[in-house]
PDB file of N, CA and C in Angstrom:
ATOM      1  N   UNK A   1      -4.388  26.730 -12.845  1.00  0.00           N
ATOM      2  CA  UNK A   1      -3.752  25.901 -13.387  1.00  0.00           C
ATOM      3  C   UNK A   1      -4.034  26.151 -14.931  1.00  0.00           C
ATOM      4  N   UNK A   2      -3.195  25.928 -15.796  1.00  0.00           N
ATOM      5  CA  UNK A   2      -3.123  26.552 -17.090  1.00  0.00           C
ATOM      6  C   UNK A   2      -4.044  25.456 -17.930  1.00  0.00           C
ATOM      7  N   UNK A   3      -4.782  25.742 -18.775  1.00  0.00           N
ATOM      8  CA  UNK A   3      -5.451  25.095 -20.089  1.00  0.00           C
ATOM      9  C   UNK A   3      -4.683  23.830 -20.460  1.00  0.00           C
ATOM     10  N   UNK A   4      -3.314  24.276 -20.894  1.00  0.00           N
ATOM     11  CA  UNK A   4      -2.579  23.068 -21.435  1.00  0.00           C
ATOM     12  C   UNK A   4      -2.365  22.007 -20.305  1.00  0.00           C
ATOM     13  N   UNK A   5      -2.374  21.991 -19.046  1.00  0.00           N
ATOM     14  CA  UNK A   5      -2.028  21.428 -18.171  1.00  0.00           C
ATOM     15  C   UNK A   5      -3.319  20.500 -17.792  1.00  0.00           C
ATOM     16  N   UNK A   6      -4.601  21.160 -17.874  1.00  0.00           N
ATOM     17  CA  UNK A   6      -5.760  20.666 -17.557  1.00  0.00           C
ATOM     18  C   UNK A   6      -6.245  19.705 -19.007  1.00  0.00           C
ATOM     19  N   UNK A   7      -5.558  19.822 -20.072  1.00  0.00           N
ATOM     20  CA  UNK A   7      -5.837  19.003 -21.188  1.00  0.00           C
ATOM     21  C   UNK A   7      -4.817  18.031 -21.461  1.00  0.00           C
ATOM     22  N   UNK A   8      -3.811  17.797 -20.528  1.00  0.00           N
ATOM     23  CA  UNK A   8      -2.864  16.918 -20.572  1.00  0.00           C
ATOM     24  C   UNK A   8      -3.218  15.537 -20.086  1.00  0.00           C
ATOM     25  N   UNK A   9      -3.626  14.788 -21.295  1.00  0.00           N
ATOM     26  CA  UNK A   9      -4.259  13.258 -20.900  1.00  0.00           C
ATOM     27  C   UNK A   9      -3.147  12.230 -19.993  1.00  0.00           C
ATOM     28  N   UNK A  10      -2.054  12.645 -20.279  1.00  0.00           N
ATOM     29  CA  UNK A  10      -1.136  11.680 -19.458  1.00  0.00           C
ATOM     30  C   UNK A  10      -1.236  12.103 -17.948  1.00  0.00           C
ATOM     31  N   UNK A  11      -1.165  13.212 -17.655  1.00  0.00           N
ATOM     32  CA  UNK A  11      -1.010  13.831 -16.445  1.00  0.00           C
ATOM     33  C   UNK A  11      -2.227  14.567 -16.119  1.00  0.00           C
ATOM     34  N   UNK A  12      -3.602  13.840 -15.766  1.00  0.00           N
ATOM     35  CA  UNK A  12      -4.460  14.258 -15.130  1.00  0.00           C
ATOM     36  C   UNK A  12      -4.516  15.245 -13.761  1.00  0.00           C
ATOM     37  N   UNK A  13      -5.209  16.173 -13.701  1.00  0.00           N
ATOM     38  CA  UNK A  13      -5.047  16.906 -12.232  1.00  0.00           C
ATOM     39  C   UNK A  13      -5.381  16.001 -11.061  1.00  0.00           C
ATOM     40  N   UNK A  14      -4.782  16.126  -9.915  1.00  0.00           N
ATOM     41  CA  UNK A  14      -5.041  15.144  -9.039  1.00  0.00           C
ATOM     42  C   UNK A  14      -6.232  15.699  -8.152  1.00  0.00           C
ATOM     43  N   UNK A  15      -7.296  15.141  -7.537  1.00  0.00           N
ATOM     44  CA  UNK A  15      -8.290  15.621  -6.683  1.00  0.00           C
ATOM     45  C   UNK A  15      -7.508  15.036  -5.338  1.00  0.00           C
ATOM     46  N   UNK A  16      -8.481  15.665  -4.387  1.00  0.00           N
ATOM     47  CA  UNK A  16      -8.060  15.503  -2.805  1.00  0.00           C
ATOM     48  C   UNK A  16      -7.972  13.884  -2.496  1.00  0.00           C
ATOM     49  N   UNK A  17      -9.209  13.421  -3.416  1.00  0.00           N
ATOM     50  CA  UNK A  17      -9.034  11.816  -2.583  1.00  0.00           C
ATOM     51  C   UNK A  17      -7.804  11.272  -3.104  1.00  0.00           C
ATOM     52  N   UNK A  18      -7.366  11.329  -4.452  1.00  0.00           N
ATOM     53  CA  UNK A  18      -6.157  10.564  -4.809  1.00  0.00           C
ATOM     54  C   UNK A  18      -5.079  11.115  -4.238  1.00  0.00           C
ATOM     55  N   UNK A  19      -5.043  12.458  -3.851  1.00  0.00           N
ATOM     56  CA  UNK A  19      -3.834  12.827  -2.962  1.00  0.00           C
ATOM     57  C   UNK A  19      -3.599  12.279  -1.768  1.00  0.00           C
ATOM     58  N   UNK A  20      -5.000  11.895  -0.862  1.00  0.00           N
ATOM     59  CA  UNK A  20      -4.884  11.453   0.336  1.00  0.00           C
ATOM     60  C   UNK A  20      -4.652   9.984   0.282  1.00  0.00           C
ATOM     61  N   UNK A  21      -4.502   9.363  -0.738  1.00  0.00           N
ATOM     62  CA  UNK A  21      -4.022   7.783  -0.935  1.00  0.00           C
ATOM     63  C   UNK A  21      -2.631   7.790  -1.340  1.00  0.00           C
ATOM     64  N   UNK A  22      -2.098   8.556  -1.714  1.00  0.00           N
ATOM     65  CA  UNK A  22      -0.826   8.707  -2.013  1.00  0.00           C
ATOM     66  C   UNK A  22       0.059   8.289  -1.105  1.00  0.00           C
ATOM     67  N   UNK A  23       1.212   7.300  -1.416  1.00  0.00           N
ATOM     68  CA  UNK A  23       2.152   7.185  -0.291  1.00  0.00           C
ATOM     69  C   UNK A  23       3.524   7.298  -1.026  1.00  0.00           C
ATOM     70  N   UNK A  24       4.614   7.677  -0.387  1.00  0.00           N
ATOM     71  CA  UNK A  24       6.016   7.595  -0.894  1.00  0.00           C
ATOM     72  C   UNK A  24       6.321   6.424  -1.460  1.00  0.00           C
ATOM     73  N   UNK A  25       7.052   6.516  -2.743  1.00  0.00           N
ATOM     74  CA  UNK A  25       7.356   5.107  -3.344  1.00  0.00           C
ATOM     75  C   UNK A  25       8.370   4.528  -2.670  1.00  0.00           C
ATOM     76  N   UNK A  26       9.213   5.403  -1.661  1.00  0.00           N
ATOM     77  CA  UNK A  26      10.371   4.521  -0.701  1.00  0.00           C
ATOM     78  C   UNK A  26      10.065   5.087   0.381  1.00  0.00           C
ATOM     79  N   UNK A  27      10.167   4.240   1.412  1.00  0.00           N
ATOM     80  CA  UNK A  27       9.684   4.438   2.720  1.00  0.00           C
ATOM     81  C   UNK A  27      11.339   5.008   3.545  1.00  0.00           C
ATOM     82  N   UNK A  28      12.206   4.982   2.721  1.00  0.00           N
ATOM     83  CA  UNK A  28      13.391   5.749   3.261  1.00  0.00           C
ATOM     84  C   UNK A  28      14.399   4.405   3.283  1.00  0.00           C
ATOM     85  N   UNK A  29      15.818   4.658   3.391  1.00  0.00           N
ATOM     86  CA  UNK A  29      16.693   3.805   3.334  1.00  0.00           C
ATOM     87  C   UNK A  29      17.016   3.280   4.869  1.00  0.00           C
ATOM     88  N   UNK A  30      17.011   2.225   4.998  1.00  0.00           N
ATOM     89  CA  UNK A  30      17.463   1.573   6.628  1.00  0.00           C
ATOM     90  C   UNK A  30      18.788   2.301   7.092  1.00  0.00           C
ATOM     91  N   UNK A  31      18.529   2.581   8.243  1.00  0.00           N
ATOM     92  CA  UNK A  31      19.424   3.653   9.082  1.00  0.00           C
ATOM     93  C   UNK A  31      20.879   2.530   8.925  1.00  0.00           C
ATOM     94  N   UNK A  32      21.822   3.531   8.710  1.00  0.00           N
ATOM     95  CA  UNK A  32      23.228   3.067   8.650  1.00  0.00           C
ATOM     96  C   UNK A  32      23.981   3.641   9.467  1.00  0.00           C
ATOM     97  N   UNK A  33      25.043   3.057   9.989  1.00  0.00           N
ATOM     98  CA  UNK A  33      25.988   3.813  10.814  1.00  0.00           C
ATOM     99  C   UNK A  33      27.442   3.934  10.314  1.00  0.00           C
ATOM    100  N   UNK A  34      28.183   5.037  10.433  1.00  0.00           N
ATOM    101  CA  UNK A  34      29.230   5.336   9.718  1.00  0.00           C
ATOM    102  C   UNK A  34      30.432   4.758  10.659  1.00  0.00           C
ATOM    103  N   UNK A  35      31.193   4.080   9.745  1.00  0.00           N
ATOM    104  CA  UNK A  35      32.381   3.296  10.941  1.00  0.00           C
ATOM    105  C   UNK A  35      33.638   3.623   9.912  1.00  0.00           C
ATOM    106  N   UNK A  36      34.708   3.391  10.526  1.00  0.00           N
ATOM    107  CA  UNK A  36      35.978   3.728   9.920  1.00  0.00           C
ATOM    108  C   UNK A  36      36.492   2.168   9.976  1.00  0.00           C
ATOM    109  N   UNK A  37      36.827   1.535   8.608  1.00  0.00           N
ATOM    110  CA  UNK A  37      36.842   0.395   8.499  1.00  0.00           C
ATOM    111  C   UNK A  37      38.237   0.180   7.800  1.00  0.00           C
ATOM    112  N   UNK A  38      39.331  -0.710   8.111  1.00  0.00           N
ATOM    113  CA  UNK A  38      40.483  -0.807   7.290  1.00  0.00           C
ATOM    114  C   UNK A  38      40.276  -2.158   6.519  1.00  0.00           C
ATOM    115  N   UNK A  39      40.469  -2.105   5.347  1.00  0.00           N
ATOM    116  CA  UNK A  39      40.396  -3.377   4.451  1.00  0.00           C
ATOM    117  C   UNK A  39      41.692  -3.478   3.829  1.00  0.00           C
ATOM    118  N   UNK A  40      41.886  -4.583   3.152  1.00  0.00           N
ATOM    119  CA  UNK A  40      42.967  -4.824   2.426  1.00  0.00           C
ATOM    120  C   UNK A  40      42.935  -4.084   0.967  1.00  0.00           C
ATOM    121  N   UNK A  41      44.111  -3.454   0.544  1.00  0.00           N
ATOM    122  CA  UNK A  41      43.863  -2.762  -0.660  1.00  0.00           C
ATOM    123  C   UNK A  41      43.196  -3.431  -1.914  1.00  0.00           C
ATOM    124  N   UNK A  42      43.523  -4.678  -2.026  1.00  0.00           N
ATOM    125  CA  UNK A  42      42.789  -5.184  -3.021  1.00  0.00           C
ATOM    126  C   UNK A  42      41.393  -5.343  -3.039  1.00  0.00           C
ATOM    127  N   UNK A  43      41.053  -5.606  -1.911  1.00  0.00           N
ATOM    128  CA  UNK A  43      39.468  -5.458  -1.443  1.00  0.00           C
ATOM    129  C   UNK A  43      38.886  -4.160  -2.173  1.00  0.00           C
ATOM    130  N   UNK A  44      39.547  -3.066  -1.633  1.00  0.00           N
ATOM    131  CA  UNK A  44      38.814  -1.896  -1.790  1.00  0.00           C
ATOM    132  C   UNK A  44      38.936  -1.521  -3.393  1.00  0.00           C
ATOM    133  N   UNK A  45      40.036  -1.733  -3.895  1.00  0.00           N
ATOM    134  CA  UNK A  45      40.215  -1.921  -5.507  1.00  0.00           C
ATOM    135  C   UNK A  45      39.347  -2.591  -6.151  1.00  0.00           C
ATOM    136  N   UNK A  46      38.990  -3.842  -5.795  1.00  0.00           N
ATOM    137  CA  UNK A  46      37.920  -4.421  -6.422  1.00  0.00           C
ATOM    138  C   UNK A  46      36.638  -3.951  -6.355  1.00  0.00           C
ATOM    139  N   UNK A  47      36.109  -3.334  -5.220  1.00  0.00           N
ATOM    140  CA  UNK A  47      35.090  -2.563  -5.343  1.00  0.00           C
ATOM    141  C   UNK A  47      35.081  -1.664  -5.965  1.00  0.00           C
ATOM    142  N   UNK A  48      35.852  -0.479  -5.801  1.00  0.00           N
ATOM    143  CA  UNK A  48      35.996   0.560  -6.396  1.00  0.00           C
ATOM    144  C   UNK A  48      35.997   0.528  -8.202  1.00  0.00           C
ATOM    145  N   UNK A  49      36.418  -0.565  -8.528  1.00  0.00           N
ATOM    146  CA  UNK A  49      36.390  -0.920  -9.949  1.00  0.00           C
ATOM    147  C   UNK A  49      34.909  -1.350 -10.410  1.00  0.00           C
ATOM    148  N   UNK A  50      34.297  -1.436  -9.487  1.00  0.00           N
ATOM    149  CA  UNK A  50      32.637  -1.684  -9.826  1.00  0.00           C
ATOM    150  C   UNK A  50      31.923  -0.455 -10.067  1.00  0.00           C
ATOM    151  N   UNK A  51      32.413   0.546  -9.735  1.00  0.00           N
ATOM    152  CA  UNK A  51      31.999   2.102 -10.127  1.00  0.00           C
ATOM    153  C   UNK A  51      31.172   2.395  -9.141  1.00  0.00           C
ATOM    154  N   UNK A  52      30.236   3.514  -9.691  1.00  0.00           N
ATOM    155  CA  UNK A  52      29.582   4.123  -8.774  1.00  0.00           C
ATOM    156  C   UNK A  52      28.679   3.354  -7.604  1.00  0.00           C
ATOM    157  N   UNK A  53      28.453   3.584  -6.605  1.00  0.00           N
ATOM    158  CA  UNK A  53      27.744   2.982  -5.584  1.00  0.00           C
ATOM    159  C   UNK A  53      28.567   1.602  -5.152  1.00  0.00           C
ATOM    160  N   UNK A  54      29.673   1.514  -5.075  1.00  0.00           N
ATOM    161  CA  UNK A  54      31.014   0.352  -4.827  1.00  0.00           C
ATOM    162  C   UNK A  54      30.549   0.229  -3.218  1.00  0.00           C
ATOM    163  N   UNK A  55      30.268   1.225  -2.485  1.00  0.00           N
ATOM    164  CA  UNK A  55      30.025   1.047  -0.952  1.00  0.00           C
ATOM    165  C   UNK A  55      28.952   0.285  -0.742  1.00  0.00           C
ATOM    166  N   UNK A  56      27.785   0.771  -1.578  1.00  0.00           N
ATOM    167  CA  UNK A  56      26.455  -0.035  -1.134  1.00  0.00           C
ATOM    168  C   UNK A  56      26.564  -1.431  -1.710  1.00  0.00           C
ATOM    169  N   UNK A  57      27.290  -1.615  -2.636  1.00  0.00           N
ATOM    170  CA  UNK A  57      27.589  -3.053  -3.105  1.00  0.00           C
ATOM    171  C   UNK A  57      28.148  -4.047  -1.788  1.00  0.00           C
ATOM    172  N   UNK A  58      29.213  -3.452  -1.529  1.00  0.00           N
ATOM    173  CA  UNK A  58      29.954  -4.031  -0.283  1.00  0.00           C
ATOM    174  C   UNK A  58      29.117  -4.053   0.874  1.00  0.00           C
ATOM    175  N   UNK A  59      28.168  -3.171   1.330  1.00  0.00           N
ATOM    176  CA  UNK A  59      27.256  -3.415   2.174  1.00  0.00           C
ATOM    177  C   UNK A  59      26.179  -4.578   2.123  1.00  0.00           C
ATOM    178  N   UNK A  60      25.849  -4.497   0.799  1.00  0.00           N
ATOM    179  CA  UNK A  60      24.594  -5.549   0.294  1.00  0.00           C
ATOM    180  C   UNK A  60      25.282  -7.058   0.465  1.00  0.00           C
ATOM    181  N   UNK A  61      26.740  -7.258  -0.001  1.00  0.00           N
ATOM    182  CA  UNK A  61      27.170  -8.528   0.473  1.00  0.00           C
ATOM    183  C   UNK A  61      27.159  -8.931   1.786  1.00  0.00           C
ATOM    184  N   UNK A  62      27.913  -7.878   2.401  1.00  0.00           N
ATOM    185  CA  UNK A  62      27.835  -8.085   3.893  1.00  0.00           C
ATOM    186  C   UNK A  62      26.535  -8.492   4.512  1.00  0.00           C
ATOM    187  N   UNK A  63      25.402  -7.556   4.200  1.00  0.00           N
ATOM    188  CA  UNK A  63      24.323  -7.821   4.602  1.00  0.00           C
ATOM    189  C   UNK A  63      23.619  -9.376   4.286  1.00  0.00           C
ATOM    190  N   UNK A  64      24.123  -9.570   3.083  1.00  0.00           N
ATOM    191  CA  UNK A  64      23.720 -10.837   2.714  1.00  0.00           C
ATOM    192  C   UNK A  64      24.299 -12.230   3.235  1.00  0.00           C
ATOM    193  N   UNK A  65      25.574 -11.775   3.954  1.00  0.00           N
ATOM    194  CA  UNK A  65      26.148 -12.662   4.736  1.00  0.00           C
ATOM    195  C   UNK A  65      25.721 -13.119   6.055  1.00  0.00           C
ATOM    196  N   UNK A  66      25.456 -12.019   6.621  1.00  0.00           N
ATOM    197  CA  UNK A  66      24.729 -11.799   7.943  1.00  0.00           C
ATOM    198  C   UNK A  66      23.192 -12.765   7.858  1.00  0.00           C
ATOM    199  N   UNK A  67      22.765 -12.276   6.958  1.00  0.00           N
ATOM    200  CA  UNK A  67      21.318 -12.980   6.766  1.00  0.00           C
ATOM    201  C   UNK A  67      21.485 -14.430   6.565  1.00  0.00           C
ATOM    202  N   UNK A  68      22.520 -14.797   5.912  1.00  0.00           N
ATOM    203  CA  UNK A  68      22.685 -16.438   5.711  1.00  0.00           C
ATOM    204  C   UNK A  68      22.939 -17.018   6.962  1.00  0.00           C
ATOM    205  N   UNK A  69      24.255 -16.418   7.507  1.00  0.00           N
ATOM    206  CA  UNK A  69      24.544 -16.833   8.897  1.00  0.00           C
ATOM    207  C   UNK A  69      23.732 -16.809   9.524  1.00  0.00           C
ATOM    208  N   UNK A  70      22.389 -15.977   9.971  1.00  0.00           N
ATOM    209  CA  UNK A  70      21.518 -16.174  10.787  1.00  0.00           C
ATOM    210  C   UNK A  70      20.476 -17.357  10.364  1.00  0.00           C
ATOM    211  N   UNK A  71      20.742 -17.905   9.117  1.00  0.00           N
ATOM    212  CA  UNK A  71      19.779 -18.671   8.698  1.00  0.00           C
ATOM    213  C   UNK A  71      20.491 -20.336   8.960  1.00  0.00           C
ATOM    214  N   UNK A  72      21.252 -20.455   9.665  1.00  0.00           N
ATOM    215  CA  UNK A  72      22.249 -21.505  10.095  1.00  0.00           C
ATOM    216  C   UNK A  72      23.403 -21.947   9.679  1.00  0.00           C
ATOM    217  N   UNK A  73      24.213 -20.893   8.861  1.00  0.00           N
ATOM    218  CA  UNK A  73      25.429 -21.079   8.350  1.00  0.00           C
ATOM    219  C   UNK A  73      26.280 -21.223   9.469  1.00  0.00           C
ATOM    220  N   UNK A  74      25.976 -20.737  10.720  1.00  0.00           N
ATOM    221  CA  UNK A  74      27.314 -20.763  11.786  1.00  0.00           C
ATOM    222  C   UNK A  74      27.572 -22.045  12.043  1.00  0.00           C
ATOM    223  N   UNK A  75      26.847 -23.156  11.896  1.00  0.00           N
ATOM    224  CA  UNK A  75      27.146 -24.527  12.082  1.00  0.00           C
ATOM    225  C   UNK A  75      28.123 -25.223  11.189  1.00  0.00           C
ATOM    226  N   UNK A  76      28.449 -24.309  10.175  1.00  0.00           N
ATOM    227  CA  UNK A  76      29.216 -24.834   8.815  1.00  0.00           C
ATOM    228  C   UNK A  76      30.767 -24.777   9.607  1.00  0.00           C
ATOM    229  N   UNK A  77      31.887 -25.368   9.025  1.00  0.00           N
ATOM    230  CA  UNK A  77      33.216 -25.105   9.295  1.00  0.00           C
ATOM    231  C   UNK A  77      33.361 -23.723   8.603  1.00  0.00           C
ATOM    232  N   UNK A  78      34.624 -23.082   9.396  1.00  0.00           N
ATOM    233  CA  UNK A  78      35.319 -21.999   8.828  1.00  0.00           C
ATOM    234  C   UNK A  78      35.319 -22.184   7.365  1.00  0.00           C
ATOM    235  N   UNK A  79      35.938 -23.024   6.546  1.00  0.00           N
ATOM    236  CA  UNK A  79      36.194 -23.233   5.291  1.00  0.00           C
ATOM    237  C   UNK A  79      34.932 -23.000   4.434  1.00  0.00           C
ATOM    238  N   UNK A  80      33.975 -23.540   4.949  1.00  0.00           N
ATOM    239  CA  UNK A  80      32.808 -23.598   4.241  1.00  0.00           C
ATOM    240  C   UNK A  80      31.973 -22.110   4.394  1.00  0.00           C
ATOM    241  N   UNK A  81      32.099 -21.618   5.362  1.00  0.00           N
ATOM    242  CA  UNK A  81      31.770 -20.156   5.664  1.00  0.00           C
ATOM    243  C   UNK A  81      32.262 -19.264   4.658  1.00  0.00           C
ATOM    244  N   UNK A  82      33.670 -19.472   4.397  1.00  0.00           N
ATOM    245  CA  UNK A  82      34.211 -18.709   3.351  1.00  0.00           C
ATOM    246  C   UNK A  82      33.764 -18.868   2.028  1.00  0.00           C
ATOM    247  N   UNK A  83      33.743 -20.261   1.795  1.00  0.00           N
ATOM    248  CA  UNK A  83      33.264 -20.471   0.386  1.00  0.00           C
ATOM    249  C   UNK A  83      31.628 -19.875  -0.060  1.00  0.00           C
ATOM    250  N   UNK A  84      30.857 -19.894   1.027  1.00  0.00           N
ATOM    251  CA  UNK A  84      29.577 -19.463   0.927  1.00  0.00           C
ATOM    252  C   UNK A  84      29.483 -18.015   0.677  1.00  0.00           C
ATOM    253  N   UNK A  85      30.377 -17.320   1.520  1.00  0.00           N
ATOM    254  CA  UNK A  85      30.352 -15.800   1.342  1.00  0.00           C
ATOM    255  C   UNK A  85      30.858 -15.333  -0.127  1.00  0.00           C
ATOM    256  N   UNK A  86      32.099 -16.356  -0.570  1.00  0.00           N
ATOM    257  CA  UNK A  86      32.379 -16.103  -1.842  1.00  0.00           C
ATOM    258  C   UNK A  86      31.439 -16.129  -2.662  1.00  0.00           C
ATOM    259  N   UNK A  87      30.900 -17.061  -2.652  1.00  0.00           N
ATOM    260  CA  UNK A  87      29.574 -17.368  -3.888  1.00  0.00           C
ATOM    261  C   UNK A  87      28.563 -16.445  -3.639  1.00  0.00           C
ATOM    262  N   UNK A  88      28.142 -15.853  -2.529  1.00  0.00           N
ATOM    263  CA  UNK A  88      27.291 -14.845  -2.403  1.00  0.00           C
ATOM    264  C   UNK A  88      27.614 -13.425  -3.192  1.00  0.00           C
ATOM    265  N   UNK A  89      28.936 -13.172  -2.757  1.00  0.00           N
ATOM    266  CA  UNK A  89      29.513 -12.032  -3.424  1.00  0.00           C
ATOM    267  C   UNK A  89      29.500 -12.287  -5.008  1.00  0.00           C
ATOM    268  N   UNK A  90      30.044 -13.437  -5.577  1.00  0.00           N
ATOM    269  CA  UNK A  90      30.197 -13.926  -6.829  1.00  0.00           C
ATOM    270  C   UNK A  90      28.775 -13.418  -7.482  1.00  0.00           C
ATOM    271  N   UNK A  91      27.666 -13.986  -7.101  1.00  0.00           N
ATOM    272  CA  UNK A  91      26.533 -14.112  -7.391  1.00  0.00           C
ATOM    273  C   UNK A  91      25.863 -12.697  -7.749  1.00  0.00           C
ATOM    274  N   UNK A  92      26.134 -11.979  -6.646  1.00  0.00           N
ATOM    275  CA  UNK A  92      25.791 -10.467  -6.498  1.00  0.00           C
ATOM    276  C   UNK A  92      26.346  -9.591  -7.919  1.00  0.00           C
ATOM    277  N   UNK A  93      27.734  -9.934  -8.120  1.00  0.00           N
ATOM    278  CA  UNK A  93      28.238  -9.055  -9.050  1.00  0.00           C
ATOM    279  C   UNK A  93      27.923  -9.589 -10.533  1.00  0.00           C
ATOM    280  N   UNK A  94      27.584 -11.136 -10.396  1.00  0.00           N
ATOM    281  CA  UNK A  94      27.291 -11.233 -11.917  1.00  0.00           C
ATOM    282  C   UNK A  94      25.597 -10.876 -12.102  1.00  0.00           C
ATOM    283  N   UNK A  95      25.004 -10.884 -11.180  1.00  0.00           N
ATOM    284  CA  UNK A  95      23.591 -10.390 -11.501  1.00  0.00           C
ATOM    285  C   UNK A  95      23.677  -8.886 -11.981  1.00  0.00           C
ATOM    286  N   UNK A  96      24.488  -8.179 -11.187  1.00  0.00           N
ATOM    287  CA  UNK A  96      24.967  -6.415 -11.373  1.00  0.00           C
ATOM    288  C   UNK A  96      25.342  -6.429 -12.767  1.00  0.00           C
ATOM    289  N   UNK A  97      26.291  -7.281 -13.247  1.00  0.00           N
ATOM    290  CA  UNK A  97      27.048  -7.279 -14.474  1.00  0.00           C
ATOM    291  C   UNK A  97      25.914  -7.476 -15.443  1.00  0.00           C
ATOM    292  N   UNK A  98      25.031  -8.476 -15.348  1.00  0.00           N
ATOM    293  CA  UNK A  98      23.956  -8.621 -16.450  1.00  0.00           C
ATOM    294  C   UNK A  98      23.014  -7.726 -16.615  1.00  0.00           C
ATOM    295  N   UNK A  99      22.541  -6.983 -15.296  1.00  0.00           N
ATOM    296  CA  UNK A  99      21.579  -5.749 -15.624  1.00  0.00           C
ATOM    297  C   UNK A  99      22.351  -4.694 -16.228  1.00  0.00           C
ATOM    298  N   UNK A 100      23.624  -4.310 -15.957  1.00  0.00           N
ATOM    299  CA  UNK A 100      24.514  -3.295 -16.882  1.00  0.00           C
ATOM    300  C   UNK A 100      24.357  -3.718 -18.293  1.00  0.00           C
ATOM    301  N   UNK A 101      24.596  -5.009 -18.765  1.00  0.00           N
ATOM    302  CA  UNK A 101      24.498  -5.288 -20.027  1.00  0.00           C
ATOM    303  C   UNK A 101      23.148  -5.163 -20.802  1.00  0.00           C
ATOM    304  N   UNK A 102      22.239  -5.237 -20.052  1.00  0.00           N
ATOM    305  CA  UNK A 102      20.975  -5.244 -20.721  1.00  0.00           C
ATOM    306  C   UNK A 102      20.490  -3.829 -20.870  1.00  0.00           C
TER     307      UNK A 102
END
């Protein structure tokens, strides 16, 4: 190791004990399944216009819907279910937009 590296107070050398306690910051993404899905053109364009990661955003909205469904939304009428998925998606994009503005 170079003298400069040893004297860097922001990045001190790691000893064996420190290295043994280190864990990956991310344990990995949940397993995904590749599917072919036909969606309305308007839906695809809406999500594509959200920019990079639009498929992940779509997946997040669908995943939230599934979790909400599992928490008892199944007992609601179909019209209420539609309204709920609309609000889940809308709030997701509003938060994403606020993060981009800051």
